[in-house]
Amino acid sequence: MSFALTQYQQAQVETASPVRVVVQLYASALRRIAEGRQALEARDYPTAAASLGRAHAIVSELQASLDASHAPELCAELSGLYDFCLHRLREASTKSAPALLEPVENVLRELEQAWQDLAQVAP
């Protein structure tokens, strides 16, 4: 990656609202899962492991950033969804089973859409 592109991406994250950052994280996780799926289908296991590992790290960060003091029930539900996604990501990687990624993609797409909708109304 070029220095200019890295600087541009860093500036985007640093100037984005917290809601936009969450949307970007979901988009990045979905990109990594798609890369992992393609790599598994091509039997490129090192690339699959790296891509799915990055997706796992993103979902883990989303889970770690939950603040139950504001909405405990919502945070508990999101945490459960993230647990499901993390388990499936690990399982897909260790079993080399790209089909296990589909439910994870579905969950993350739904959450990404909800956050995108929120970003439309948030300042």
PDB file of N, CA and C in Angstrom:
ATOM      1  N   MET A   1       0.848  -1.165   0.000  1.00  0.00           N
ATOM      2  CA  MET A   1       0.000   0.000   0.000  1.00  0.00           C
ATOM      3  C   MET A   1       0.899   1.236   0.000  1.00  0.00           C
ATOM      4  N   SER A   2       0.507   2.201  -0.805  1.00  0.00           N
ATOM      5  CA  SER A   2       1.331   3.398  -0.912  1.00  0.00           C
ATOM      6  C   SER A   2       1.188   4.261   0.337  1.00  0.00           C
ATOM      7  N   PHE A   3       2.197   5.083   0.560  1.00  0.00           N
ATOM      8  CA  PHE A   3       2.193   5.983   1.712  1.00  0.00           C
ATOM      9  C   PHE A   3       1.006   6.939   1.638  1.00  0.00           C
ATOM     10  N   ALA A   4       0.728   7.482   0.447  1.00  0.00           N
ATOM     11  CA  ALA A   4      -0.367   8.440   0.284  1.00  0.00           C
ATOM     12  C   ALA A   4      -1.706   7.792   0.611  1.00  0.00           C
ATOM     13  N   LEU A   5      -1.912   6.566   0.142  1.00  0.00           N
ATOM     14  CA  LEU A   5      -3.161   5.871   0.424  1.00  0.00           C
ATOM     15  C   LEU A   5      -3.299   5.586   1.913  1.00  0.00           C
ATOM     16  N   THR A   6      -2.229   5.191   2.553  1.00  0.00           N
ATOM     17  CA  THR A   6      -2.251   4.945   3.991  1.00  0.00           C
ATOM     18  C   THR A   6      -2.603   6.215   4.750  1.00  0.00           C
ATOM     19  N   GLN A   7      -2.010   7.333   4.369  1.00  0.00           N
ATOM     20  CA  GLN A   7      -2.292   8.611   5.010  1.00  0.00           C
ATOM     21  C   GLN A   7      -3.758   9.016   4.807  1.00  0.00           C
ATOM     22  N   TYR A   8      -4.261   8.810   3.595  1.00  0.00           N
ATOM     23  CA  TYR A   8      -5.650   9.147   3.287  1.00  0.00           C
ATOM     24  C   TYR A   8      -6.599   8.315   4.144  1.00  0.00           C
ATOM     25  N   GLN A   9      -6.361   7.016   4.221  1.00  0.00           N
ATOM     26  CA  GLN A   9      -7.222   6.147   5.013  1.00  0.00           C
ATOM     27  C   GLN A   9      -7.165   6.505   6.493  1.00  0.00           C
ATOM     28  N   GLN A  10      -5.997   6.832   6.985  1.00  0.00           N
ATOM     29  CA  GLN A  10      -5.862   7.230   8.386  1.00  0.00           C
ATOM     30  C   GLN A  10      -6.640   8.519   8.649  1.00  0.00           C
ATOM     31  N   ALA A  11      -6.564   9.465   7.745  1.00  0.00           N
ATOM     32  CA  ALA A  11      -7.295  10.727   7.906  1.00  0.00           C
ATOM     33  C   ALA A  11      -8.801  10.486   7.891  1.00  0.00           C
ATOM     34  N   GLN A  12      -9.263   9.561   7.057  1.00  0.00           N
ATOM     35  CA  GLN A  12     -10.690   9.244   7.014  1.00  0.00           C
ATOM     36  C   GLN A  12     -11.174   8.724   8.360  1.00  0.00           C
ATOM     37  N   VAL A  13     -10.418   7.840   8.963  1.00  0.00           N
ATOM     38  CA  VAL A  13     -10.808   7.265  10.249  1.00  0.00           C
ATOM     39  C   VAL A  13     -10.747   8.326  11.344  1.00  0.00           C
ATOM     40  N   GLU A  14      -9.706   9.141  11.335  1.00  0.00           N
ATOM     41  CA  GLU A  14      -9.523  10.138  12.391  1.00  0.00           C
ATOM     42  C   GLU A  14     -10.563  11.251  12.344  1.00  0.00           C
ATOM     43  N   THR A  15     -11.120  11.529  11.172  1.00  0.00           N
ATOM     44  CA  THR A  15     -12.088  12.612  11.054  1.00  0.00           C
ATOM     45  C   THR A  15     -13.536  12.116  10.992  1.00  0.00           C
ATOM     46  N   ALA A  16     -13.731  10.826  10.954  1.00  0.00           N
ATOM     47  CA  ALA A  16     -15.084  10.263  10.862  1.00  0.00           C
ATOM     48  C   ALA A  16     -15.777  10.286  12.217  1.00  0.00           C
ATOM     49  N   SER A  17     -17.093  10.368  12.164  1.00  0.00           N
ATOM     50  CA  SER A  17     -17.875  10.274  13.397  1.00  0.00           C
ATOM     51  C   SER A  17     -17.789   8.837  13.908  1.00  0.00           C
ATOM     52  N   PRO A  18     -18.061   8.620  15.187  1.00  0.00           N
ATOM     53  CA  PRO A  18     -18.029   7.248  15.715  1.00  0.00           C
ATOM     54  C   PRO A  18     -18.957   6.309  14.950  1.00  0.00           C
ATOM     55  N   VAL A  19     -20.099   6.796  14.514  1.00  0.00           N
ATOM     56  CA  VAL A  19     -21.036   5.958  13.753  1.00  0.00           C
ATOM     57  C   VAL A  19     -20.417   5.565  12.416  1.00  0.00           C
ATOM     58  N   ARG A  20     -19.782   6.510  11.751  1.00  0.00           N
ATOM     59  CA  ARG A  20     -19.116   6.218  10.465  1.00  0.00           C
ATOM     60  C   ARG A  20     -17.969   5.221  10.652  1.00  0.00           C
ATOM     61  N   VAL A  21     -17.253   5.317  11.750  1.00  0.00           N
ATOM     62  CA  VAL A  21     -16.161   4.373  12.021  1.00  0.00           C
ATOM     63  C   VAL A  21     -16.723   2.961  12.147  1.00  0.00           C
ATOM     64  N   VAL A  22     -17.851   2.813  12.831  1.00  0.00           N
ATOM     65  CA  VAL A  22     -18.469   1.489  12.971  1.00  0.00           C
ATOM     66  C   VAL A  22     -18.891   0.960  11.598  1.00  0.00           C
ATOM     67  N   VAL A  23     -19.473   1.813  10.772  1.00  0.00           N
ATOM     68  CA  VAL A  23     -19.859   1.398   9.411  1.00  0.00           C
ATOM     69  C   VAL A  23     -18.626   0.935   8.640  1.00  0.00           C
ATOM     70  N   GLN A  24     -17.530   1.676   8.758  1.00  0.00           N
ATOM     71  CA  GLN A  24     -16.286   1.305   8.075  1.00  0.00           C
ATOM     72  C   GLN A  24     -15.750  -0.034   8.586  1.00  0.00           C
ATOM     73  N   LEU A  25     -15.894  -0.278   9.882  1.00  0.00           N
ATOM     74  CA  LEU A  25     -15.432  -1.552  10.436  1.00  0.00           C
ATOM     75  C   LEU A  25     -16.243  -2.717   9.883  1.00  0.00           C
ATOM     76  N   TYR A  26     -17.557  -2.556   9.812  1.00  0.00           N
ATOM     77  CA  TYR A  26     -18.379  -3.618   9.229  1.00  0.00           C
ATOM     78  C   TYR A  26     -17.996  -3.864   7.777  1.00  0.00           C
ATOM     79  N   ALA A  27     -17.821  -2.796   7.008  1.00  0.00           N
ATOM     80  CA  ALA A  27     -17.451  -2.933   5.601  1.00  0.00           C
ATOM     81  C   ALA A  27     -16.111  -3.642   5.458  1.00  0.00           C
ATOM     82  N   SER A  28     -15.176  -3.298   6.304  1.00  0.00           N
ATOM     83  CA  SER A  28     -13.860  -3.934   6.259  1.00  0.00           C
ATOM     84  C   SER A  28     -13.953  -5.414   6.626  1.00  0.00           C
ATOM     85  N   ALA A  29     -14.722  -5.731   7.658  1.00  0.00           N
ATOM     86  CA  ALA A  29     -14.892  -7.141   8.048  1.00  0.00           C
ATOM     87  C   ALA A  29     -15.510  -7.933   6.903  1.00  0.00           C
ATOM     88  N   LEU A  30     -16.514  -7.370   6.257  1.00  0.00           N
ATOM     89  CA  LEU A  30     -17.163  -8.066   5.135  1.00  0.00           C
ATOM     90  C   LEU A  30     -16.198  -8.259   3.965  1.00  0.00           C
ATOM     91  N   ARG A  31     -15.348  -7.268   3.694  1.00  0.00           N
ATOM     92  CA  ARG A  31     -14.335  -7.420   2.635  1.00  0.00           C
ATOM     93  C   ARG A  31     -13.374  -8.545   2.968  1.00  0.00           C
ATOM     94  N   ARG A  32     -12.934  -8.590   4.223  1.00  0.00           N
ATOM     95  CA  ARG A  32     -11.990  -9.634   4.638  1.00  0.00           C
ATOM     96  C   ARG A  32     -12.629 -11.015   4.562  1.00  0.00           C
ATOM     97  N   ILE A  33     -13.896 -11.110   4.912  1.00  0.00           N
ATOM     98  CA  ILE A  33     -14.583 -12.401   4.829  1.00  0.00           C
ATOM     99  C   ILE A  33     -14.693 -12.837   3.367  1.00  0.00           C
ATOM    100  N   ALA A  34     -15.022 -11.913   2.482  1.00  0.00           N
ATOM    101  CA  ALA A  34     -15.098 -12.236   1.055  1.00  0.00           C
ATOM    102  C   ALA A  34     -13.740 -12.713   0.535  1.00  0.00           C
ATOM    103  N   GLU A  35     -12.669 -12.031   0.961  1.00  0.00           N
ATOM    104  CA  GLU A  35     -11.320 -12.464   0.577  1.00  0.00           C
ATOM    105  C   GLU A  35     -11.039 -13.864   1.112  1.00  0.00           C
ATOM    106  N   GLY A  36     -11.428 -14.101   2.371  1.00  0.00           N
ATOM    107  CA  GLY A  36     -11.214 -15.408   2.979  1.00  0.00           C
ATOM    108  C   GLY A  36     -11.980 -16.504   2.264  1.00  0.00           C
ATOM    109  N   ARG A  37     -13.221 -16.207   1.887  1.00  0.00           N
ATOM    110  CA  ARG A  37     -14.038 -17.181   1.150  1.00  0.00           C
ATOM    111  C   ARG A  37     -13.359 -17.550  -0.174  1.00  0.00           C
ATOM    112  N   GLN A  38     -12.943 -16.523  -0.922  1.00  0.00           N
ATOM    113  CA  GLN A  38     -12.280 -16.771  -2.204  1.00  0.00           C
ATOM    114  C   GLN A  38     -11.014 -17.596  -2.014  1.00  0.00           C
ATOM    115  N   ALA A  39     -10.256 -17.277  -0.997  1.00  0.00           N
ATOM    116  CA  ALA A  39      -9.010 -18.006  -0.749  1.00  0.00           C
ATOM    117  C   ALA A  39      -9.301 -19.456  -0.357  1.00  0.00           C
ATOM    118  N   LEU A  40     -10.322 -19.683   0.472  1.00  0.00           N
ATOM    119  CA  LEU A  40     -10.676 -21.059   0.829  1.00  0.00           C
ATOM    120  C   LEU A  40     -11.104 -21.842  -0.405  1.00  0.00           C
ATOM    121  N   GLU A  41     -11.909 -21.215  -1.247  1.00  0.00           N
ATOM    122  CA  GLU A  41     -12.367 -21.894  -2.463  1.00  0.00           C
ATOM    123  C   GLU A  41     -11.204 -22.208  -3.402  1.00  0.00           C
ATOM    124  N   ALA A  42     -10.163 -21.356  -3.374  1.00  0.00           N
ATOM    125  CA  ALA A  42      -8.972 -21.571  -4.212  1.00  0.00           C
ATOM    126  C   ALA A  42      -7.936 -22.450  -3.511  1.00  0.00           C
ATOM    127  N   ARG A  43      -8.269 -22.894  -2.317  1.00  0.00           N
ATOM    128  CA  ARG A  43      -7.369 -23.711  -1.491  1.00  0.00           C
ATOM    129  C   ARG A  43      -6.059 -22.974  -1.164  1.00  0.00           C
ATOM    130  N   ASP A  44      -6.167 -21.657  -1.049  1.00  0.00           N
ATOM    131  CA  ASP A  44      -5.038 -20.818  -0.646  1.00  0.00           C
ATOM    132  C   ASP A  44      -5.200 -20.573   0.855  1.00  0.00           C
ATOM    133  N   TYR A  45      -4.801 -21.564   1.637  1.00  0.00           N
ATOM    134  CA  TYR A  45      -5.077 -21.555   3.071  1.00  0.00           C
ATOM    135  C   TYR A  45      -4.338 -20.468   3.855  1.00  0.00           C
ATOM    136  N   PRO A  46      -3.108 -20.139   3.512  1.00  0.00           N
ATOM    137  CA  PRO A  46      -2.454 -19.035   4.247  1.00  0.00           C
ATOM    138  C   PRO A  46      -3.184 -17.700   4.061  1.00  0.00           C
ATOM    139  N   THR A  47      -3.615 -17.408   2.827  1.00  0.00           N
ATOM    140  CA  THR A  47      -4.350 -16.168   2.578  1.00  0.00           C
ATOM    141  C   THR A  47      -5.696 -16.200   3.282  1.00  0.00           C
ATOM    142  N   ALA A  48      -6.365 -17.347   3.237  1.00  0.00           N
ATOM    143  CA  ALA A  48      -7.661 -17.487   3.916  1.00  0.00           C
ATOM    144  C   ALA A  48      -7.508 -17.237   5.409  1.00  0.00           C
ATOM    145  N   ALA A  49      -6.506 -17.836   5.996  1.00  0.00           N
ATOM    146  CA  ALA A  49      -6.292 -17.667   7.437  1.00  0.00           C
ATOM    147  C   ALA A  49      -6.010 -16.210   7.783  1.00  0.00           C
ATOM    148  N   ALA A  50      -5.214 -15.545   6.960  1.00  0.00           N
ATOM    149  CA  ALA A  50      -4.895 -14.138   7.219  1.00  0.00           C
ATOM    150  C   ALA A  50      -6.142 -13.263   7.093  1.00  0.00           C
ATOM    151  N   SER A  51      -6.913 -13.453   6.034  1.00  0.00           N
ATOM    152  CA  SER A  51      -8.109 -12.638   5.820  1.00  0.00           C
ATOM    153  C   SER A  51      -9.154 -12.887   6.898  1.00  0.00           C
ATOM    154  N   LEU A  52      -9.402 -14.151   7.208  1.00  0.00           N
ATOM    155  CA  LEU A  52     -10.395 -14.467   8.236  1.00  0.00           C
ATOM    156  C   LEU A  52      -9.901 -14.045   9.615  1.00  0.00           C
ATOM    157  N   GLY A  53      -8.595 -14.080   9.819  1.00  0.00           N
ATOM    158  CA  GLY A  53      -8.030 -13.592  11.078  1.00  0.00           C
ATOM    159  C   GLY A  53      -8.252 -12.099  11.240  1.00  0.00           C
ATOM    160  N   ARG A  54      -8.130 -11.352  10.151  1.00  0.00           N
ATOM    161  CA  ARG A  54      -8.388  -9.907  10.209  1.00  0.00           C
ATOM    162  C   ARG A  54      -9.870  -9.637  10.486  1.00  0.00           C
ATOM    163  N   ALA A  55     -10.744 -10.398   9.828  1.00  0.00           N
ATOM    164  CA  ALA A  55     -12.180 -10.242  10.082  1.00  0.00           C
ATOM    165  C   ALA A  55     -12.493 -10.559  11.537  1.00  0.00           C
ATOM    166  N   HIS A  56     -11.872 -11.602  12.059  1.00  0.00           N
ATOM    167  CA  HIS A  56     -12.065 -11.987  13.463  1.00  0.00           C
ATOM    168  C   HIS A  56     -11.630 -10.854  14.393  1.00  0.00           C
ATOM    169  N   ALA A  57     -10.502 -10.235  14.081  1.00  0.00           N
ATOM    170  CA  ALA A  57      -9.997  -9.133  14.908  1.00  0.00           C
ATOM    171  C   ALA A  57     -10.957  -7.943  14.884  1.00  0.00           C
ATOM    172  N   ILE A  58     -11.541  -7.659  13.739  1.00  0.00           N
ATOM    173  CA  ILE A  58     -12.478  -6.543  13.630  1.00  0.00           C
ATOM    174  C   ILE A  58     -13.728  -6.818  14.457  1.00  0.00           C
ATOM    175  N   VAL A  59     -14.281  -8.021  14.314  1.00  0.00           N
ATOM    176  CA  VAL A  59     -15.485  -8.365  15.075  1.00  0.00           C
ATOM    177  C   VAL A  59     -15.173  -8.368  16.575  1.00  0.00           C
ATOM    178  N   SER A  60     -14.001  -8.848  16.939  1.00  0.00           N
ATOM    179  CA  SER A  60     -13.594  -8.820  18.350  1.00  0.00           C
ATOM    180  C   SER A  60     -13.530  -7.393  18.874  1.00  0.00           C
ATOM    181  N   GLU A  61     -13.034  -6.485  18.061  1.00  0.00           N
ATOM    182  CA  GLU A  61     -12.949  -5.076  18.462  1.00  0.00           C
ATOM    183  C   GLU A  61     -14.340  -4.464  18.593  1.00  0.00           C
ATOM    184  N   LEU A  62     -15.223  -4.797  17.671  1.00  0.00           N
ATOM    185  CA  LEU A  62     -16.600  -4.317  17.781  1.00  0.00           C
ATOM    186  C   LEU A  62     -17.237  -4.813  19.082  1.00  0.00           C
ATOM    187  N   GLN A  63     -16.991  -6.070  19.413  1.00  0.00           N
ATOM    188  CA  GLN A  63     -17.548  -6.636  20.645  1.00  0.00           C
ATOM    189  C   GLN A  63     -16.937  -5.963  21.875  1.00  0.00           C
ATOM    190  N   ALA A  64     -15.647  -5.740  21.839  1.00  0.00           N
ATOM    191  CA  ALA A  64     -14.963  -5.123  22.986  1.00  0.00           C
ATOM    192  C   ALA A  64     -15.408  -3.676  23.200  1.00  0.00           C
ATOM    193  N   SER A  65     -15.890  -3.031  22.155  1.00  0.00           N
ATOM    194  CA  SER A  65     -16.275  -1.630  22.281  1.00  0.00           C
ATOM    195  C   SER A  65     -17.710  -1.438  22.777  1.00  0.00           C
ATOM    196  N   LEU A  66     -18.431  -2.524  22.985  1.00  0.00           N
ATOM    197  CA  LEU A  66     -19.800  -2.394  23.498  1.00  0.00           C
ATOM    198  C   LEU A  66     -19.774  -1.777  24.891  1.00  0.00           C
ATOM    199  N   ASP A  67     -20.688  -0.852  25.130  1.00  0.00           N
ATOM    200  CA  ASP A  67     -20.777  -0.174  26.422  1.00  0.00           C
ATOM    201  C   ASP A  67     -22.158  -0.458  27.010  1.00  0.00           C
ATOM    202  N   ALA A  68     -22.226  -1.455  27.853  1.00  0.00           N
ATOM    203  CA  ALA A  68     -23.502  -1.909  28.405  1.00  0.00           C
ATOM    204  C   ALA A  68     -24.148  -0.894  29.338  1.00  0.00           C
ATOM    205  N   SER A  69     -23.432   0.135  29.740  1.00  0.00           N
ATOM    206  CA  SER A  69     -24.024   1.128  30.642  1.00  0.00           C
ATOM    207  C   SER A  69     -25.098   1.964  29.939  1.00  0.00           C
ATOM    208  N   HIS A  70     -25.067   2.014  28.611  1.00  0.00           N
ATOM    209  CA  HIS A  70     -26.044   2.813  27.877  1.00  0.00           C
ATOM    210  C   HIS A  70     -27.264   2.004  27.443  1.00  0.00           C
ATOM    211  N   ALA A  71     -27.064   0.781  27.021  1.00  0.00           N
ATOM    212  CA  ALA A  71     -28.167  -0.057  26.538  1.00  0.00           C
ATOM    213  C   ALA A  71     -27.819  -1.519  26.817  1.00  0.00           C
ATOM    214  N   PRO A  72     -27.986  -1.951  28.055  1.00  0.00           N
ATOM    215  CA  PRO A  72     -27.541  -3.297  28.428  1.00  0.00           C
ATOM    216  C   PRO A  72     -28.177  -4.423  27.615  1.00  0.00           C
ATOM    217  N   GLU A  73     -29.460  -4.331  27.322  1.00  0.00           N
ATOM    218  CA  GLU A  73     -30.115  -5.411  26.573  1.00  0.00           C
ATOM    219  C   GLU A  73     -29.603  -5.474  25.140  1.00  0.00           C
ATOM    220  N   LEU A  74     -29.478  -4.317  24.512  1.00  0.00           N
ATOM    221  CA  LEU A  74     -28.954  -4.269  23.146  1.00  0.00           C
ATOM    222  C   LEU A  74     -27.528  -4.793  23.105  1.00  0.00           C
ATOM    223  N   CYS A  75     -26.707  -4.381  24.056  1.00  0.00           N
ATOM    224  CA  CYS A  75     -25.313  -4.836  24.101  1.00  0.00           C
ATOM    225  C   CYS A  75     -25.226  -6.346  24.300  1.00  0.00           C
ATOM    226  N   ALA A  76     -26.104  -6.890  25.120  1.00  0.00           N
ATOM    227  CA  ALA A  76     -26.116  -8.341  25.339  1.00  0.00           C
ATOM    228  C   ALA A  76     -26.477  -9.067  24.041  1.00  0.00           C
ATOM    229  N   GLU A  77     -27.453  -8.538  23.314  1.00  0.00           N
ATOM    230  CA  GLU A  77     -27.835  -9.165  22.043  1.00  0.00           C
ATOM    231  C   GLU A  77     -26.721  -9.053  21.011  1.00  0.00           C
ATOM    232  N   LEU A  78     -26.117  -7.871  20.923  1.00  0.00           N
ATOM    233  CA  LEU A  78     -25.004  -7.699  19.988  1.00  0.00           C
ATOM    234  C   LEU A  78     -23.833  -8.597  20.355  1.00  0.00           C
ATOM    235  N   SER A  79     -23.544  -8.706  21.634  1.00  0.00           N
ATOM    236  CA  SER A  79     -22.449  -9.562  22.073  1.00  0.00           C
ATOM    237  C   SER A  79     -22.705 -11.013  21.667  1.00  0.00           C
ATOM    238  N   GLY A  80     -23.939 -11.451  21.800  1.00  0.00           N
ATOM    239  CA  GLY A  80     -24.292 -12.806  21.376  1.00  0.00           C
ATOM    240  C   GLY A  80     -24.106 -12.998  19.881  1.00  0.00           C
ATOM    241  N   LEU A  81     -24.503 -12.001  19.094  1.00  0.00           N
ATOM    242  CA  LEU A  81     -24.300 -12.079  17.647  1.00  0.00           C
ATOM    243  C   LEU A  81     -22.815 -12.107  17.303  1.00  0.00           C
ATOM    244  N   TYR A  82     -22.041 -11.272  17.989  1.00  0.00           N
ATOM    245  CA  TYR A  82     -20.601 -11.267  17.745  1.00  0.00           C
ATOM    246  C   TYR A  82     -19.971 -12.601  18.138  1.00  0.00           C
ATOM    247  N   ASP A  83     -20.419 -13.192  19.253  1.00  0.00           N
ATOM    248  CA  ASP A  83     -19.918 -14.518  19.641  1.00  0.00           C
ATOM    249  C   ASP A  83     -20.177 -15.536  18.546  1.00  0.00           C
ATOM    250  N   PHE A  84     -21.393 -15.511  18.009  1.00  0.00           N
ATOM    251  CA  PHE A  84     -21.755 -16.416  16.916  1.00  0.00           C
ATOM    252  C   PHE A  84     -20.818 -16.215  15.726  1.00  0.00           C
ATOM    253  N   CYS A  85     -20.616 -14.948  15.337  1.00  0.00           N
ATOM    254  CA  CYS A  85     -19.752 -14.637  14.196  1.00  0.00           C
ATOM    255  C   CYS A  85     -18.321 -15.083  14.437  1.00  0.00           C
ATOM    256  N   LEU A  86     -17.813 -14.824  15.625  1.00  0.00           N
ATOM    257  CA  LEU A  86     -16.429 -15.210  15.948  1.00  0.00           C
ATOM    258  C   LEU A  86     -16.260 -16.718  15.894  1.00  0.00           C
ATOM    259  N   HIS A  87     -17.239 -17.442  16.431  1.00  0.00           N
ATOM    260  CA  HIS A  87     -17.179 -18.906  16.417  1.00  0.00           C
ATOM    261  C   HIS A  87     -17.186 -19.420  14.975  1.00  0.00           C
ATOM    262  N   ARG A  88     -18.084 -18.877  14.156  1.00  0.00           N
ATOM    263  CA  ARG A  88     -18.169 -19.324  12.760  1.00  0.00           C
ATOM    264  C   ARG A  88     -16.916 -18.968  11.966  1.00  0.00           C
ATOM    265  N   LEU A  89     -16.340 -17.809  12.224  1.00  0.00           N
ATOM    266  CA  LEU A  89     -15.106 -17.441  11.525  1.00  0.00           C
ATOM    267  C   LEU A  89     -13.991 -18.422  11.850  1.00  0.00           C
ATOM    268  N   ARG A  90     -13.855 -18.759  13.139  1.00  0.00           N
ATOM    269  CA  ARG A  90     -12.829 -19.735  13.536  1.00  0.00           C
ATOM    270  C   ARG A  90     -13.098 -21.091  12.896  1.00  0.00           C
ATOM    271  N   GLU A  91     -14.345 -21.508  12.957  1.00  0.00           N
ATOM    272  CA  GLU A  91     -14.719 -22.820  12.426  1.00  0.00           C
ATOM    273  C   GLU A  91     -14.498 -22.885  10.914  1.00  0.00           C
ATOM    274  N   ALA A  92     -14.883 -21.849  10.186  1.00  0.00           N
ATOM    275  CA  ALA A  92     -14.685 -21.823   8.736  1.00  0.00           C
ATOM    276  C   ALA A  92     -13.212 -21.906   8.392  1.00  0.00           C
ATOM    277  N   SER A  93     -12.388 -21.226   9.173  1.00  0.00           N
ATOM    278  CA  SER A  93     -10.950 -21.226   8.923  1.00  0.00           C
ATOM    279  C   SER A  93     -10.337 -22.586   9.242  1.00  0.00           C
ATOM    280  N   THR A  94     -10.669 -23.139  10.398  1.00  0.00           N
ATOM    281  CA  THR A  94     -10.037 -24.410  10.794  1.00  0.00           C
ATOM    282  C   THR A  94     -10.550 -25.596   9.988  1.00  0.00           C
ATOM    283  N   LYS A  95     -11.805 -25.539   9.551  1.00  0.00           N
ATOM    284  CA  LYS A  95     -12.373 -26.641   8.766  1.00  0.00           C
ATOM    285  C   LYS A  95     -12.273 -26.403   7.265  1.00  0.00           C
ATOM    286  N   SER A  96     -11.727 -25.256   6.880  1.00  0.00           N
ATOM    287  CA  SER A  96     -11.647 -24.876   5.460  1.00  0.00           C
ATOM    288  C   SER A  96     -13.011 -25.024   4.800  1.00  0.00           C
ATOM    289  N   ALA A  97     -14.022 -24.421   5.441  1.00  0.00           N
ATOM    290  CA  ALA A  97     -15.399 -24.561   4.996  1.00  0.00           C
ATOM    291  C   ALA A  97     -16.000 -23.188   4.686  1.00  0.00           C
ATOM    292  N   PRO A  98     -15.894 -22.739   3.435  1.00  0.00           N
ATOM    293  CA  PRO A  98     -16.405 -21.412   3.094  1.00  0.00           C
ATOM    294  C   PRO A  98     -17.913 -21.255   3.320  1.00  0.00           C
ATOM    295  N   ALA A  99     -18.672 -22.335   3.259  1.00  0.00           N
ATOM    296  CA  ALA A  99     -20.127 -22.243   3.463  1.00  0.00           C
ATOM    297  C   ALA A  99     -20.477 -21.731   4.858  1.00  0.00           C
ATOM    298  N   LEU A 100     -19.602 -21.942   5.819  1.00  0.00           N
ATOM    299  CA  LEU A 100     -19.859 -21.475   7.185  1.00  0.00           C
ATOM    300  C   LEU A 100     -19.797 -19.956   7.300  1.00  0.00           C
ATOM    301  N   LEU A 101     -19.289 -19.299   6.275  1.00  0.00           N
ATOM    302  CA  LEU A 101     -19.156 -17.841   6.309  1.00  0.00           C
ATOM    303  C   LEU A 101     -20.448 -17.121   5.941  1.00  0.00           C
ATOM    304  N   GLU A 102     -21.334 -17.788   5.233  1.00  0.00           N
ATOM    305  CA  GLU A 102     -22.558 -17.125   4.772  1.00  0.00           C
ATOM    306  C   GLU A 102     -23.398 -16.544   5.908  1.00  0.00           C
ATOM    307  N   PRO A 103     -23.659 -17.289   6.994  1.00  0.00           N
ATOM    308  CA  PRO A 103     -24.437 -16.684   8.075  1.00  0.00           C
ATOM    309  C   PRO A 103     -23.732 -15.494   8.727  1.00  0.00           C
ATOM    310  N   VAL A 104     -22.423 -15.531   8.775  1.00  0.00           N
ATOM    311  CA  VAL A 104     -21.662 -14.415   9.342  1.00  0.00           C
ATOM    312  C   VAL A 104     -21.833 -13.189   8.456  1.00  0.00           C
ATOM    313  N   GLU A 105     -21.713 -13.382   7.158  1.00  0.00           N
ATOM    314  CA  GLU A 105     -21.902 -12.271   6.231  1.00  0.00           C
ATOM    315  C   GLU A 105     -23.313 -11.695   6.357  1.00  0.00           C
ATOM    316  N   ASN A 106     -24.300 -12.553   6.490  1.00  0.00           N
ATOM    317  CA  ASN A 106     -25.684 -12.084   6.618  1.00  0.00           C
ATOM    318  C   ASN A 106     -25.864 -11.233   7.870  1.00  0.00           C
ATOM    319  N   VAL A 107     -25.337 -11.698   8.995  1.00  0.00           N
ATOM    320  CA  VAL A 107     -25.450 -10.949  10.251  1.00  0.00           C
ATOM    321  C   VAL A 107     -24.742  -9.600  10.129  1.00  0.00           C
ATOM    322  N   LEU A 108     -23.521  -9.620   9.624  1.00  0.00           N
ATOM    323  CA  LEU A 108     -22.749  -8.378   9.536  1.00  0.00           C
ATOM    324  C   LEU A 108     -23.352  -7.398   8.535  1.00  0.00           C
ATOM    325  N   ARG A 109     -23.927  -7.908   7.437  1.00  0.00           N
ATOM    326  CA  ARG A 109     -24.588  -7.017   6.478  1.00  0.00           C
ATOM    327  C   ARG A 109     -25.797  -6.325   7.110  1.00  0.00           C
ATOM    328  N   GLU A 110     -26.575  -7.094   7.870  1.00  0.00           N
ATOM    329  CA  GLU A 110     -27.743  -6.513   8.542  1.00  0.00           C
ATOM    330  C   GLU A 110     -27.311  -5.424   9.532  1.00  0.00           C
ATOM    331  N   LEU A 111     -26.275  -5.727  10.301  1.00  0.00           N
ATOM    332  CA  LEU A 111     -25.789  -4.742  11.272  1.00  0.00           C
ATOM    333  C   LEU A 111     -25.196  -3.531  10.568  1.00  0.00           C
ATOM    334  N   GLU A 112     -24.453  -3.768   9.489  1.00  0.00           N
ATOM    335  CA  GLU A 112     -23.881  -2.657   8.733  1.00  0.00           C
ATOM    336  C   GLU A 112     -24.991  -1.750   8.204  1.00  0.00           C
ATOM    337  N   GLN A 113     -26.065  -2.346   7.677  1.00  0.00           N
ATOM    338  CA  GLN A 113     -27.174  -1.553   7.151  1.00  0.00           C
ATOM    339  C   GLN A 113     -27.833  -0.731   8.253  1.00  0.00           C
ATOM    340  N   ALA A 114     -28.003  -1.327   9.410  1.00  0.00           N
ATOM    341  CA  ALA A 114     -28.600  -0.589  10.539  1.00  0.00           C
ATOM    342  C   ALA A 114     -27.735   0.610  10.922  1.00  0.00           C
ATOM    343  N   TRP A 115     -26.424   0.420  10.946  1.00  0.00           N
ATOM    344  CA  TRP A 115     -25.520   1.527  11.284  1.00  0.00           C
ATOM    345  C   TRP A 115     -25.477   2.562  10.176  1.00  0.00           C
ATOM    346  N   GLN A 116     -25.589   2.127   8.910  1.00  0.00           N
ATOM    347  CA  GLN A 116     -25.650   3.085   7.808  1.00  0.00           C
ATOM    348  C   GLN A 116     -26.909   3.940   7.911  1.00  0.00           C
ATOM    349  N   ASP A 117     -28.021   3.297   8.268  1.00  0.00           N
ATOM    350  CA  ASP A 117     -29.262   4.043   8.464  1.00  0.00           C
ATOM    351  C   ASP A 117     -29.102   5.058   9.599  1.00  0.00           C
ATOM    352  N   LEU A 118     -28.458   4.642  10.662  1.00  0.00           N
ATOM    353  CA  LEU A 118     -28.209   5.546  11.783  1.00  0.00           C
ATOM    354  C   LEU A 118     -27.304   6.699  11.358  1.00  0.00           C
ATOM    355  N   ALA A 119     -26.324   6.411  10.542  1.00  0.00           N
ATOM    356  CA  ALA A 119     -25.389   7.457  10.080  1.00  0.00           C
ATOM    357  C   ALA A 119     -26.112   8.511   9.251  1.00  0.00           C
ATOM    358  N   GLN A 120     -27.201   8.130   8.596  1.00  0.00           N
ATOM    359  CA  GLN A 120     -27.963   9.090   7.789  1.00  0.00           C
ATOM    360  C   GLN A 120     -28.658  10.140   8.653  1.00  0.00           C
ATOM    361  N   VAL A 121     -29.013   9.748   9.889  1.00  0.00           N
ATOM    362  CA  VAL A 121     -29.733  10.685  10.753  1.00  0.00           C
ATOM    363  C   VAL A 121     -28.856  11.269  11.848  1.00  0.00           C
ATOM    364  N   ALA A 122     -27.704  10.652  12.096  1.00  0.00           N
ATOM    365  CA  ALA A 122     -26.793  11.153  13.146  1.00  0.00           C
ATOM    366  C   ALA A 122     -26.008  12.344  12.602  1.00  0.00           C
ATOM    367  N   PRO A 123     -25.714  13.293  13.463  1.00  0.00           N
ATOM    368  CA  PRO A 123     -24.946  14.476  13.003  1.00  0.00           C
ATOM    369  C   PRO A 123     -23.512  14.131  12.641  1.00  0.00           C
TER     370      PRO A 123
END
